[in-house]
C-alpha atoms as a PDB file:
ATOM      1  CA  MET A   1      -8.829  82.625 -26.347  1.00  0.00           C
ATOM      2  CA  GLN A   2      -6.102  84.675 -25.825  1.00  0.00           C
ATOM      3  CA  HIS A   3      -3.102  84.683 -28.330  1.00  0.00           C
ATOM      4  CA  ILE A   4       0.472  84.334 -26.911  1.00  0.00           C
ATOM      5  CA  ILE A   5       2.936  85.257 -29.495  1.00  0.00           C
ATOM      6  CA  LEU A   6       6.746  84.118 -28.744  1.00  0.00           C
ATOM      7  CA  CYS A   7       8.459  87.324 -30.323  1.00  0.00           C
ATOM      8  CA  GLY A   8      11.948  86.191 -29.132  1.00  0.00           C
ATOM      9  CA  GLY A   9      13.779  84.148 -31.859  1.00  0.00           C
ATOM     10  CA  SER A  10      17.343  85.679 -33.339  1.00  0.00           C
ATOM     11  CA  GLY A  11      16.938  83.931 -36.785  1.00  0.00           C
ATOM     12  CA  THR A  12      20.479  83.253 -36.860  1.00  0.00           C
ATOM     13  CA  ARG A  13      20.312  81.010 -39.876  1.00  0.00           C
ATOM     14  CA  LEU A  14      19.189  83.371 -41.877  1.00  0.00           C
ATOM     15  CA  TRP A  15      21.966  85.975 -41.460  1.00  0.00           C
ATOM     16  CA  PRO A  16      22.882  88.784 -42.370  1.00  0.00           C
ATOM     17  CA  LEU A  17      19.358  89.355 -43.685  1.00  0.00           C
ATOM     18  CA  SER A  18      18.350  88.565 -40.039  1.00  0.00           C
ATOM     19  CA  ASN A  19      20.256  90.361 -37.152  1.00  0.00           C
ATOM     20  CA  ARG A  20      19.969  91.406 -33.948  1.00  0.00           C
ATOM     21  CA  GLN A  21      17.948  94.631 -34.734  1.00  0.00           C
ATOM     22  CA  THR A  22      15.641  93.065 -36.701  1.00  0.00           C
ATOM     23  CA  PRO A  23      15.427  89.227 -36.755  1.00  0.00           C
ATOM     24  CA  LYS A  24      13.473  87.154 -39.094  1.00  0.00           C
ATOM     25  CA  GLN A  25       9.897  87.577 -37.649  1.00  0.00           C
ATOM     26  CA  LEU A  26       9.852  91.515 -37.971  1.00  0.00           C
ATOM     27  CA  LEU A  27      11.467  91.495 -41.726  1.00  0.00           C
ATOM     28  CA  PRO A  28       8.537  92.559 -44.109  1.00  0.00           C
ATOM     29  CA  LEU A  29       8.915  90.378 -46.814  1.00  0.00           C
ATOM     30  CA  PHE A  30       5.908  88.740 -47.125  1.00  0.00           C
ATOM     31  CA  GLU A  31       3.828  91.510 -49.459  1.00  0.00           C
ATOM     32  CA  GLY A  32       4.657  94.167 -47.054  1.00  0.00           C
ATOM     33  CA  ASN A  33       3.993  92.125 -43.730  1.00  0.00           C
ATOM     34  CA  SER A  34       6.387  90.204 -41.712  1.00  0.00           C
ATOM     35  CA  LEU A  35       5.830  86.890 -39.783  1.00  0.00           C
ATOM     36  CA  LEU A  36       4.808  88.143 -36.933  1.00  0.00           C
ATOM     37  CA  GLN A  37       2.200  90.450 -38.582  1.00  0.00           C
ATOM     38  CA  LEU A  38       0.987  86.898 -40.370  1.00  0.00           C
ATOM     39  CA  ALA A  39       0.901  85.046 -36.934  1.00  0.00           C
ATOM     40  CA  TYR A  40      -1.500  87.631 -35.605  1.00  0.00           C
ATOM     41  CA  LEU A  41      -3.708  88.210 -38.605  1.00  0.00           C
ATOM     42  CA  ARG A  42      -4.200  84.078 -38.878  1.00  0.00           C
ATOM     43  CA  ASN A  43      -4.986  83.708 -35.768  1.00  0.00           C
ATOM     44  CA  SER A  44      -7.155  86.841 -34.605  1.00  0.00           C
ATOM     45  CA  ILE A  45     -10.138  85.403 -35.946  1.00  0.00           C
ATOM     46  CA  ALA A  46     -10.226  82.725 -33.093  1.00  0.00           C
ATOM     47  CA  CYS A  47      -8.641  84.890 -30.690  1.00  0.00           C
ATOM     48  CA  ASP A  48      -9.865  88.062 -28.856  1.00  0.00           C
ATOM     49  CA  SER A  49      -6.988  89.193 -27.621  1.00  0.00           C
ATOM     50  CA  VAL A  50      -2.846  89.240 -27.427  1.00  0.00           C
ATOM     51  CA  LEU A  51      -0.336  89.207 -25.393  1.00  0.00           C
ATOM     52  CA  ALA A  52       3.269  89.635 -27.480  1.00  0.00           C
ATOM     53  CA  ILE A  53       6.194  88.311 -25.255  1.00  0.00           C
ATOM     54  CA  VAL A  54       9.126  90.161 -26.464  1.00  0.00           C
ATOM     55  CA  ASN A  55      12.459  91.095 -26.662  1.00  0.00           C
ATOM     56  CA  GLU A  56      13.133  94.679 -24.951  1.00  0.00           C
ATOM     57  CA  GLN A  57      14.805  95.759 -27.682  1.00  0.00           C
ATOM     58  CA  HIS A  58      12.328  94.921 -30.171  1.00  0.00           C
ATOM     59  CA  ALA A  59       9.160  96.127 -28.096  1.00  0.00           C
ATOM     60  CA  ALA A  60       8.673  99.407 -30.063  1.00  0.00           C
ATOM     61  CA  THR A  61       9.010  97.933 -33.912  1.00  0.00           C
ATOM     62  CA  VAL A  62       6.657  94.584 -32.529  1.00  0.00           C
ATOM     63  CA  GLU A  63       3.745  97.181 -31.127  1.00  0.00           C
ATOM     64  CA  GLU A  64       4.059  99.220 -34.158  1.00  0.00           C
ATOM     65  CA  GLN A  65       3.612  96.018 -36.519  1.00  0.00           C
ATOM     66  CA  LEU A  66       0.737  94.912 -34.263  1.00  0.00           C
ATOM     67  CA  LEU A  67      -0.943  97.942 -34.294  1.00  0.00           C
ATOM     68  CA  LYS A  68      -0.637  98.283 -37.796  1.00  0.00           C
ATOM     69  CA  SER A  69      -2.120  94.912 -38.372  1.00  0.00           C
ATOM     70  CA  SER A  70      -5.080  96.555 -36.446  1.00  0.00           C
ATOM     71  CA  ALA A  71      -4.695  94.304 -33.461  1.00  0.00           C
ATOM     72  CA  THR A  72      -7.257  95.081 -30.517  1.00  0.00           C
ATOM     73  CA  ASN A  73      -6.844  94.295 -26.602  1.00  0.00           C
ATOM     74  CA  LEU A  74      -2.610  93.950 -26.873  1.00  0.00           C
ATOM     75  CA  ARG A  75      -0.330  93.997 -24.349  1.00  0.00           C
ATOM     76  CA  LEU A  76       3.311  93.595 -24.492  1.00  0.00           C
ATOM     77  CA  LEU A  77       5.518  91.707 -22.083  1.00  0.00           C
ATOM     78  CA  ALA A  78       9.270  93.073 -22.424  1.00  0.00           C
ATOM     79  CA  GLU A  79      12.122  90.753 -21.489  1.00  0.00           C
ATOM     80  CA  PRO A  80      15.624  92.442 -20.773  1.00  0.00           C
ATOM     81  CA  VAL A  81      17.315  88.672 -21.217  1.00  0.00           C
ATOM     82  CA  GLY A  82      15.294  85.984 -23.317  1.00  0.00           C
ATOM     83  CA  ARG A  83      15.459  82.499 -20.922  1.00  0.00           C
ATOM     84  CA  ASN A  84      13.811  80.343 -23.502  1.00  0.00           C
ATOM     85  CA  THR A  85       9.998  79.067 -24.055  1.00  0.00           C
ATOM     86  CA  ALA A  86       9.272  77.921 -20.812  1.00  0.00           C
ATOM     87  CA  ALA A  87      10.334  81.011 -18.846  1.00  0.00           C
ATOM     88  CA  ALA A  88       8.088  83.092 -21.376  1.00  0.00           C
ATOM     89  CA  ILE A  89       5.053  81.130 -21.295  1.00  0.00           C
ATOM     90  CA  ALA A  90       5.024  80.633 -17.597  1.00  0.00           C
ATOM     91  CA  LEU A  91       5.249  84.616 -17.446  1.00  0.00           C
ATOM     92  CA  ALA A  92       2.130  84.444 -19.954  1.00  0.00           C
ATOM     93  CA  ALA A  93      -0.186  82.161 -18.060  1.00  0.00           C
ATOM     94  CA  PHE A  94       0.889  84.154 -14.665  1.00  0.00           C
ATOM     95  CA  VAL A  95      -0.328  87.543 -15.775  1.00  0.00           C
ATOM     96  CA  SER A  96      -3.541  86.097 -17.628  1.00  0.00           C
ATOM     97  CA  GLU A  97      -6.736  84.918 -15.851  1.00  0.00           C
ATOM     98  CA  PRO A  98      -6.475  81.567 -14.562  1.00  0.00           C
ATOM     99  CA  GLU A  99      -9.509  79.973 -17.107  1.00  0.00           C
ATOM    100  CA  THR A 100      -8.474  81.685 -20.203  1.00  0.00           C
ATOM    101  CA  ILE A 101      -7.618  79.494 -22.930  1.00  0.00           C
ATOM    102  CA  LEU A 102      -3.905  80.283 -24.491  1.00  0.00           C
ATOM    103  CA  LEU A 103      -2.880  79.865 -28.016  1.00  0.00           C
ATOM    104  CA  ILE A 104       0.722  79.975 -28.143  1.00  0.00           C
ATOM    105  CA  THR A 105       2.660  80.406 -31.295  1.00  0.00           C
ATOM    106  CA  PRO A 106       5.579  80.950 -32.199  1.00  0.00           C
ATOM    107  CA  ALA A 107       6.149  84.643 -34.310  1.00  0.00           C
ATOM    108  CA  ASP A 108       8.563  83.120 -36.936  1.00  0.00           C
ATOM    109  CA  HIS A 109       6.307  80.667 -38.483  1.00  0.00           C
ATOM    110  CA  LEU A 110       5.122  80.597 -42.135  1.00  0.00           C
ATOM    111  CA  ILE A 111       1.620  78.285 -41.890  1.00  0.00           C
ATOM    112  CA  GLY A 112      -0.626  78.057 -45.352  1.00  0.00           C
ATOM    113  CA  THR A 113      -3.822  76.181 -45.682  1.00  0.00           C
ATOM    114  CA  PRO A 114      -5.914  78.220 -43.931  1.00  0.00           C
ATOM    115  CA  ASP A 115      -8.850  75.867 -43.760  1.00  0.00           C
ATOM    116  CA  ILE A 116      -7.026  72.981 -42.224  1.00  0.00           C
ATOM    117  CA  TYR A 117      -5.492  75.344 -39.530  1.00  0.00           C
ATOM    118  CA  ALA A 118      -8.290  76.555 -38.129  1.00  0.00           C
ATOM    119  CA  HIS A 119      -9.646  73.397 -38.124  1.00  0.00           C
ATOM    120  CA  THR A 120      -6.465  72.147 -36.146  1.00  0.00           C
ATOM    121  CA  ILE A 121      -7.126  75.256 -34.089  1.00  0.00           C
ATOM    122  CA  GLU A 122     -10.575  74.504 -32.944  1.00  0.00           C
ATOM    123  CA  THR A 123      -9.826  71.252 -32.140  1.00  0.00           C
ATOM    124  CA  ALA A 124      -6.989  72.268 -29.765  1.00  0.00           C
ATOM    125  CA  GLN A 125      -9.403  74.721 -28.181  1.00  0.00           C
ATOM    126  CA  SER A 126     -12.166  72.036 -27.356  1.00  0.00           C
ATOM    127  CA  LEU A 127      -9.193  69.578 -25.985  1.00  0.00           C
ATOM    128  CA  ALA A 128      -7.676  72.760 -24.162  1.00  0.00           C
ATOM    129  CA  ALA A 129     -11.489  73.636 -22.949  1.00  0.00           C
ATOM    130  CA  GLY A 130     -11.392  69.886 -21.378  1.00  0.00           C
ATOM    131  CA  ASN A 131      -7.990  70.664 -19.203  1.00  0.00           C
ATOM    132  CA  SER A 132      -5.595  69.230 -21.856  1.00  0.00           C
ATOM    133  CA  LEU A 133      -2.241  70.551 -22.093  1.00  0.00           C
ATOM    134  CA  VAL A 134      -2.311  70.723 -26.377  1.00  0.00           C
ATOM    135  CA  THR A 135       0.278  70.717 -28.694  1.00  0.00           C
ATOM    136  CA  ILE A 136       0.144  70.552 -32.530  1.00  0.00           C
ATOM    137  CA  GLY A 137       1.542  67.769 -34.436  1.00  0.00           C
ATOM    138  CA  LEU A 138       2.516  68.129 -38.208  1.00  0.00           C
ATOM    139  CA  GLN A 139       2.666  65.380 -40.582  1.00  0.00           C
ATOM    140  CA  PRO A 140       6.344  64.796 -41.497  1.00  0.00           C
ATOM    141  CA  LEU A 141       7.073  65.147 -45.578  1.00  0.00           C
ATOM    142  CA  TYR A 142      10.931  64.060 -45.408  1.00  0.00           C
ATOM    143  CA  PRO A 143      13.208  62.693 -42.738  1.00  0.00           C
ATOM    144  CA  GLU A 144      14.072  65.959 -41.154  1.00  0.00           C
ATOM    145  CA  THR A 145      16.917  65.876 -38.681  1.00  0.00           C
ATOM    146  CA  GLY A 146      16.561  69.928 -37.139  1.00  0.00           C
ATOM    147  CA  PHE A 147      12.853  69.348 -35.534  1.00  0.00           C
ATOM    148  CA  GLY A 148      11.479  67.336 -32.720  1.00  0.00           C
ATOM    149  CA  TYR A 149       8.870  64.392 -32.962  1.00  0.00           C
ATOM    150  CA  ILE A 150       6.201  63.094 -31.186  1.00  0.00           C
ATOM    151  CA  GLN A 151       5.099  59.819 -31.282  1.00  0.00           C
ATOM    152  CA  TYR A 152       1.236  59.709 -30.932  1.00  0.00           C
ATOM    153  CA  SER A 153      -1.985  57.146 -31.135  1.00  0.00           C
ATOM    154  CA  GLY A 154      -4.503  59.414 -31.855  1.00  0.00           C
ATOM    155  CA  HIS A 155      -4.810  62.653 -29.835  1.00  0.00           C
ATOM    156  CA  ASP A 156      -2.455  60.567 -27.128  1.00  0.00           C
ATOM    157  CA  VAL A 157       1.134  61.833 -27.134  1.00  0.00           C
ATOM    158  CA  ILE A 158       3.080  58.306 -26.498  1.00  0.00           C
ATOM    159  CA  ARG A 159       6.570  60.106 -26.460  1.00  0.00           C
ATOM    160  CA  PHE A 160       8.447  63.460 -27.249  1.00  0.00           C
ATOM    161  CA  VAL A 161      11.513  62.496 -29.394  1.00  0.00           C
ATOM    162  CA  GLU A 162      14.545  65.115 -29.796  1.00  0.00           C
ATOM    163  CA  LYS A 163      16.137  66.089 -32.755  1.00  0.00           C
ATOM    164  CA  PRO A 164      17.204  62.576 -34.399  1.00  0.00           C
ATOM    165  CA  ASP A 165      20.113  61.595 -36.410  1.00  0.00           C
ATOM    166  CA  ALA A 166      19.198  60.966 -39.813  1.00  0.00           C
ATOM    167  CA  ASN A 167      18.699  56.931 -39.686  1.00  0.00           C
ATOM    168  CA  ASN A 168      16.303  57.488 -36.805  1.00  0.00           C
ATOM    169  CA  ALA A 169      14.846  60.106 -38.637  1.00  0.00           C
ATOM    170  CA  SER A 170      13.972  57.784 -41.475  1.00  0.00           C
ATOM    171  CA  ILE A 171      12.658  54.811 -39.392  1.00  0.00           C
ATOM    172  CA  MET A 172      10.032  57.284 -37.655  1.00  0.00           C
ATOM    173  CA  VAL A 173       8.587  59.145 -40.755  1.00  0.00           C
ATOM    174  CA  GLU A 174       8.734  55.750 -42.488  1.00  0.00           C
ATOM    175  CA  SER A 175       6.490  53.739 -39.328  1.00  0.00           C
ATOM    176  CA  GLY A 176       3.544  56.750 -39.538  1.00  0.00           C
ATOM    177  CA  ASP A 177       3.271  56.744 -36.106  1.00  0.00           C
ATOM    178  CA  PHE A 178       5.202  60.230 -35.424  1.00  0.00           C
ATOM    179  CA  LEU A 179       4.823  63.922 -36.292  1.00  0.00           C
ATOM    180  CA  TRP A 180       7.066  67.043 -36.372  1.00  0.00           C
ATOM    181  CA  ASN A 181       7.032  69.183 -33.078  1.00  0.00           C
ATOM    182  CA  SER A 182       5.249  72.386 -34.137  1.00  0.00           C
ATOM    183  CA  GLY A 183       5.909  74.718 -31.089  1.00  0.00           C
ATOM    184  CA  ILE A 184       2.531  75.677 -31.197  1.00  0.00           C
ATOM    185  CA  PHE A 185       0.136  74.912 -27.500  1.00  0.00           C
ATOM    186  CA  CYS A 186      -3.102  75.467 -26.773  1.00  0.00           C
ATOM    187  CA  CYS A 187      -4.197  75.633 -22.925  1.00  0.00           C
ATOM    188  CA  LYS A 188      -5.680  77.054 -19.969  1.00  0.00           C
ATOM    189  CA  ALA A 189      -3.362  79.344 -17.391  1.00  0.00           C
ATOM    190  CA  SER A 190      -4.435  77.447 -14.860  1.00  0.00           C
ATOM    191  CA  ILE A 191      -3.700  74.180 -15.983  1.00  0.00           C
ATOM    192  CA  LEU A 192      -0.161  74.847 -17.218  1.00  0.00           C
ATOM    193  CA  LEU A 193       0.481  76.676 -14.105  1.00  0.00           C
ATOM    194  CA  GLN A 194      -0.470  73.363 -11.991  1.00  0.00           C
ATOM    195  CA  GLU A 195       1.735  71.448 -14.825  1.00  0.00           C
ATOM    196  CA  LEU A 196       4.492  73.892 -13.983  1.00  0.00           C
ATOM    197  CA  LYS A 197       4.375  73.839 -10.605  1.00  0.00           C
ATOM    198  CA  GLN A 198       4.370  70.009 -10.269  1.00  0.00           C
ATOM    199  CA  TYR A 199       7.340  69.259 -12.555  1.00  0.00           C
ATOM    200  CA  ALA A 200       9.430  72.763 -13.151  1.00  0.00           C
ATOM    201  CA  PRO A 201       8.992  74.260  -9.668  1.00  0.00           C
ATOM    202  CA  GLU A 202      11.632  76.252  -9.682  1.00  0.00           C
ATOM    203  CA  ILE A 203      10.710  77.921 -13.100  1.00  0.00           C
ATOM    204  CA  TYR A 204       6.914  78.349 -11.343  1.00  0.00           C
ATOM    205  CA  GLU A 205       8.173  80.060  -8.417  1.00  0.00           C
ATOM    206  CA  THR A 206      10.814  82.736 -10.284  1.00  0.00           C
ATOM    207  CA  ALA A 207       8.482  83.383 -12.701  1.00  0.00           C
ATOM    208  CA  ALA A 208       5.522  84.185 -10.472  1.00  0.00           C
ATOM    209  CA  LEU A 209       7.898  86.998  -8.680  1.00  0.00           C
ATOM    210  CA  ALA A 210       8.705  88.127 -12.252  1.00  0.00           C
ATOM    211  CA  ALA A 211       4.798  88.339 -12.982  1.00  0.00           C
ATOM    212  CA  ASP A 212       4.610  89.977  -9.733  1.00  0.00           C
ATOM    213  CA  GLU A 213       6.941  92.426 -10.694  1.00  0.00           C
ATOM    214  CA  TRP A 214       5.615  93.400 -13.957  1.00  0.00           C
ATOM    215  CA  LYS A 215       2.340  93.743 -12.597  1.00  0.00           C
ATOM    216  CA  ARG A 216       3.380  95.863 -10.057  1.00  0.00           C
ATOM    217  CA  THR A 217       5.798  98.231 -11.996  1.00  0.00           C
ATOM    218  CA  GLY A 218       5.092  97.350 -15.931  1.00  0.00           C
ATOM    219  CA  ARG A 219       8.600  96.375 -16.584  1.00  0.00           C
ATOM    220  CA  LEU A 220      10.845  93.014 -15.915  1.00  0.00           C
ATOM    221  CA  SER A 221      14.009  93.498 -13.939  1.00  0.00           C
ATOM    222  CA  LEU A 222      17.122  92.014 -15.750  1.00  0.00           C
ATOM    223  CA  GLU A 223      17.522  90.118 -12.061  1.00  0.00           C
ATOM    224  CA  ALA A 224      14.084  88.751 -12.220  1.00  0.00           C
ATOM    225  CA  MET A 225      14.476  87.248 -15.756  1.00  0.00           C
ATOM    226  CA  GLU A 226      18.005  86.110 -14.940  1.00  0.00           C
ATOM    227  CA  ASN A 227      16.588  84.476 -11.678  1.00  0.00           C
ATOM    228  CA  ILE A 228      14.133  82.039 -13.924  1.00  0.00           C
ATOM    229  CA  PRO A 229      15.832  78.686 -15.291  1.00  0.00           C
ATOM    230  CA  SER A 230      16.271  78.768 -18.932  1.00  0.00           C
ATOM    231  CA  THR A 231      14.901  75.888 -20.707  1.00  0.00           C
ATOM    232  CA  SER A 232      12.337  75.023 -23.160  1.00  0.00           C
ATOM    233  CA  ILE A 233       8.708  74.284 -22.174  1.00  0.00           C
ATOM    234  CA  ASP A 234       8.964  70.719 -23.878  1.00  0.00           C
ATOM    235  CA  TYR A 235      11.660  69.582 -21.241  1.00  0.00           C
ATOM    236  CA  ALA A 236      10.370  71.535 -18.132  1.00  0.00           C
ATOM    237  CA  VAL A 237       6.220  70.088 -18.681  1.00  0.00           C
ATOM    238  CA  ALA A 238       5.234  68.846 -22.060  1.00  0.00           C
ATOM    239  CA  GLU A 239       7.611  65.703 -21.921  1.00  0.00           C
ATOM    240  CA  LYS A 240       6.765  64.905 -18.282  1.00  0.00           C
ATOM    241  CA  SER A 241       3.125  65.788 -18.050  1.00  0.00           C
ATOM    242  CA  GLN A 242       0.365  63.190 -18.257  1.00  0.00           C
ATOM    243  CA  ARG A 243      -2.228  65.998 -19.460  1.00  0.00           C
ATOM    244  CA  VAL A 244      -0.434  66.384 -23.114  1.00  0.00           C
ATOM    245  CA  LYS A 245      -2.753  65.843 -26.105  1.00  0.00           C
ATOM    246  CA  VAL A 246      -1.587  66.273 -29.576  1.00  0.00           C
ATOM    247  CA  VAL A 247      -3.776  67.231 -32.958  1.00  0.00           C
ATOM    248  CA  PRO A 248      -2.198  66.196 -35.806  1.00  0.00           C
ATOM    249  CA  SER A 249      -2.307  68.202 -38.762  1.00  0.00           C
ATOM    250  CA  THR A 250      -1.772  68.488 -42.640  1.00  0.00           C
ATOM    251  CA  MET A 251      -1.624  72.022 -42.663  1.00  0.00           C
ATOM    252  CA  GLU A 252       1.143  73.680 -44.754  1.00  0.00           C
ATOM    253  CA  TRP A 253       3.734  74.753 -42.383  1.00  0.00           C
ATOM    254  CA  SER A 254       7.423  76.532 -42.154  1.00  0.00           C
ATOM    255  CA  ASP A 255       9.998  77.246 -39.405  1.00  0.00           C
ATOM    256  CA  VAL A 256      11.399  79.419 -42.328  1.00  0.00           C
ATOM    257  CA  GLY A 257      14.646  78.100 -40.741  1.00  0.00           C
ATOM    258  CA  SER A 258      16.646  78.365 -43.719  1.00  0.00           C
ATOM    259  CA  TYR A 259      17.273  80.236 -46.966  1.00  0.00           C
ATOM    260  CA  GLU A 260      16.016  77.245 -48.872  1.00  0.00           C
ATOM    261  CA  ALA A 261      12.751  77.593 -46.935  1.00  0.00           C
ATOM    262  CA  LEU A 262      12.269  81.283 -47.072  1.00  0.00           C
ATOM    263  CA  THR A 263      13.225  81.616 -51.112  1.00  0.00           C
ATOM    264  CA  GLU A 264      10.903  78.712 -51.553  1.00  0.00           C
ATOM    265  CA  ALA A 265       7.610  80.573 -49.586  1.00  0.00           C
ATOM    266  CA  LEU A 266       8.875  83.900 -51.480  1.00  0.00           C
ATOM    267  CA  VAL A 267       8.981  82.684 -55.046  1.00  0.00           C
ATOM    268  CA  HIS A 268       6.007  79.802 -54.665  1.00  0.00           C
ATOM    269  CA  HIS A 269       3.368  81.892 -52.178  1.00  0.00           C
ATOM    270  CA  TYR A 270       4.349  85.439 -52.121  1.00  0.00           C
ATOM    271  CA  GLN A 271       6.003  85.876 -55.913  1.00  0.00           C
ATOM    272  CA  TYR A 272       8.554  87.993 -54.510  1.00  0.00           C
ATOM    273  CA  GLN A 273      10.412  90.230 -57.159  1.00  0.00           C
ATOM    274  CA  ASN A 274      13.742  91.960 -56.973  1.00  0.00           C
ATOM    275  CA  HIS A 275      13.977  94.657 -59.374  1.00  0.00           C
ATOM    276  CA  GLN A 276      17.288  95.206 -58.443  1.00  0.00           C
ATOM    277  CA  ALA A 277      18.642  91.605 -59.789  1.00  0.00           C
ATOM    278  CA  VAL A 278      19.438  90.834 -63.411  1.00  0.00           C
ATOM    279  CA  PHE A 279      20.306  87.171 -64.677  1.00  0.00           C
ATOM    280  CA  ILE A 280      21.911  86.827 -67.555  1.00  0.00           C
ATOM    281  CA  GLY A 281      22.800  83.462 -69.810  1.00  0.00           C
ATOM    282  CA  ASP A 282      21.273  80.563 -70.259  1.00  0.00           C
ATOM    283  CA  GLY A 283      22.655  78.811 -67.124  1.00  0.00           C
ATOM    284  CA  SER A 284      21.011  81.767 -65.176  1.00  0.00           C
ATOM    285  CA  GLY A 285      18.531  79.625 -63.560  1.00  0.00           C
ATOM    286  CA  ASN A 286      16.423  78.643 -60.213  1.00  0.00           C
ATOM    287  CA  ASN A 287      18.586  81.861 -58.611  1.00  0.00           C
ATOM    288  CA  MET A 288      17.187  84.052 -55.625  1.00  0.00           C
ATOM    289  CA  VAL A 289      18.347  87.928 -54.988  1.00  0.00           C
ATOM    290  CA  ILE A 290      17.159  89.502 -51.818  1.00  0.00           C
ATOM    291  CA  GLY A 291      17.745  92.755 -51.192  1.00  0.00           C
ATOM    292  CA  LYS A 292      17.338  96.042 -52.900  1.00  0.00           C
ATOM    293  CA  GLU A 293      20.459  98.292 -51.667  1.00  0.00           C
ATOM    294  CA  LYS A 294      22.087  98.264 -55.394  1.00  0.00           C
ATOM    295  CA  LEU A 295      21.969  96.369 -58.468  1.00  0.00           C
ATOM    296  CA  VAL A 296      23.092  92.671 -58.349  1.00  0.00           C
ATOM    297  CA  ALA A 297      23.581  90.355 -62.027  1.00  0.00           C
ATOM    298  CA  LEU A 298      24.470  86.894 -61.670  1.00  0.00           C
ATOM    299  CA  VAL A 299      25.557  85.695 -65.278  1.00  0.00           C
ATOM    300  CA  GLY A 300      25.929  81.731 -66.073  1.00  0.00           C
ATOM    301  CA  VAL A 301      25.273  80.873 -62.739  1.00  0.00           C
ATOM    302  CA  GLU A 302      22.452  78.364 -61.100  1.00  0.00           C
ATOM    303  CA  ASP A 303      21.152  77.432 -57.685  1.00  0.00           C
ATOM    304  CA  MET A 304      22.075  80.529 -56.151  1.00  0.00           C
ATOM    305  CA  VAL A 305      21.061  82.536 -53.169  1.00  0.00           C
ATOM    306  CA  VAL A 306      22.126  85.859 -52.844  1.00  0.00           C
ATOM    307  CA  VAL A 307      21.793  88.201 -49.882  1.00  0.00           C
ATOM    308  CA  ASN A 308      22.536  91.784 -50.469  1.00  0.00           C
ATOM    309  CA  THR A 309      22.568  93.865 -46.972  1.00  0.00           C
ATOM    310  CA  PRO A 310      24.529  96.961 -46.272  1.00  0.00           C
ATOM    311  CA  GLU A 311      26.017  95.183 -43.411  1.00  0.00           C
ATOM    312  CA  ALA A 312      27.319  92.053 -45.593  1.00  0.00           C
ATOM    313  CA  LEU A 313      26.573  90.369 -48.745  1.00  0.00           C
ATOM    314  CA  LEU A 314      26.159  86.557 -48.522  1.00  0.00           C
ATOM    315  CA  ILE A 315      26.516  84.303 -51.967  1.00  0.00           C
ATOM    316  CA  MET A 316      25.479  80.460 -51.227  1.00  0.00           C
ATOM    317  CA  LYS A 317      24.812  77.688 -53.053  1.00  0.00           C
ATOM    318  CA  LYS A 318      21.097  76.288 -52.673  1.00  0.00           C
ATOM    319  CA  GLY A 319      21.764  73.058 -50.333  1.00  0.00           C
ATOM    320  CA  LYS A 320      24.153  74.515 -48.429  1.00  0.00           C
ATOM    321  CA  GLY A 321      21.550  76.759 -45.691  1.00  0.00           C
ATOM    322  CA  GLN A 322      22.681  74.698 -42.310  1.00  0.00           C
ATOM    323  CA  GLU A 323      26.034  75.658 -43.100  1.00  0.00           C
ATOM    324  CA  ILE A 324      25.007  79.642 -42.106  1.00  0.00           C
ATOM    325  CA  LYS A 325      25.013  78.312 -38.134  1.00  0.00           C
ATOM    326  CA  GLN A 326      28.779  78.044 -38.904  1.00  0.00           C
ATOM    327  CA  LEU A 327      29.132  81.608 -40.723  1.00  0.00           C
ATOM    328  CA  HIS A 328      27.208  82.745 -37.924  1.00  0.00           C
ATOM    329  CA  GLN A 329      29.666  81.510 -35.441  1.00  0.00           C
ATOM    330  CA  TRP A 330      32.439  82.762 -37.470  1.00  0.00           C
ATOM    331  CA  VAL A 331      31.365  86.295 -37.909  1.00  0.00           C
ATOM    332  CA  LYS A 332      30.311  86.361 -33.887  1.00  0.00           C
ATOM    333  CA  GLU A 333      33.783  85.521 -32.973  1.00  0.00           C
ATOM    334  CA  ASN A 334      35.596  87.765 -35.736  1.00  0.00           C
ATOM    335  CA  ARG A 335      33.071  90.505 -36.721  1.00  0.00           C
ATOM    336  CA  PRO A 336      30.370  90.998 -33.967  1.00  0.00           C
ATOM    337  CA  GLU A 337      29.520  94.754 -35.062  1.00  0.00           C
ATOM    338  CA  LEU A 338      27.881  92.986 -38.282  1.00  0.00           C
ATOM    339  CA  LEU A 339      25.830  91.148 -35.892  1.00  0.00           C
END
């Protein structure tokens, strides 16, 4: 099985810690490892090779981190411009042997419970060997509106649901018939290409040309990438294909999509300590300081996240993490040099 790591995320909801130069998947926050390295390490037992789909700007850093984690049989496919997951996964399939089973994972997710994860991937690999296009679904813990959902029965997918509103999310979670869509896929390269050709022929044809260029020259041109339509693999194939199966899983999972999720992971799983932070007063509880450039002192405040970087200082009340998207948009329009 070959591990396909999708490394193109920008992590805008973790600005200013995550930025264009160092997106969240490359930050070495987890006992010296990045999310990218953790993704490689947990899948290295099941996979004998790895192909990283990367932003051209981050190729050297991705390669350095993976080699530091003792990656073998490593290839990088550097995109001059991102064209969403369907393009990246199509390219990966075109440059792989047809009967190779691909385990396709984002680089920026955090997964615990290794035994449950290993069993989940083993089941997905078995279904993929039978020519199914397999996705991993997660038992929902609460009615999250920021995730996609999968309605299922056993391993059968009934339908995919885009990010719902709060009322529909509550109804789906209470029904017990829905899973969170993890964004992890497992399938043979040939099966994925067959489904792309049938349901997304323009992506299939333009990605084939780009992959041929990469095989000839070792690089992807901007023109070849921009010719590939930009859409998600869910919309292009998974929501339409009759081959899709799902593996329900109870593994611990986070997309680390907010500062609340990041602080939860750092405090409870990685014993993060910032020796440049000082908390004074009885009211100074449940605070998190990230960054070590200078001393940060919190006096008499609770439930705060402070992110201390050379470019910017963020002070945020816990529970307001989703508003970072608005902040990022403001910075993009008014102070783009800080991104």
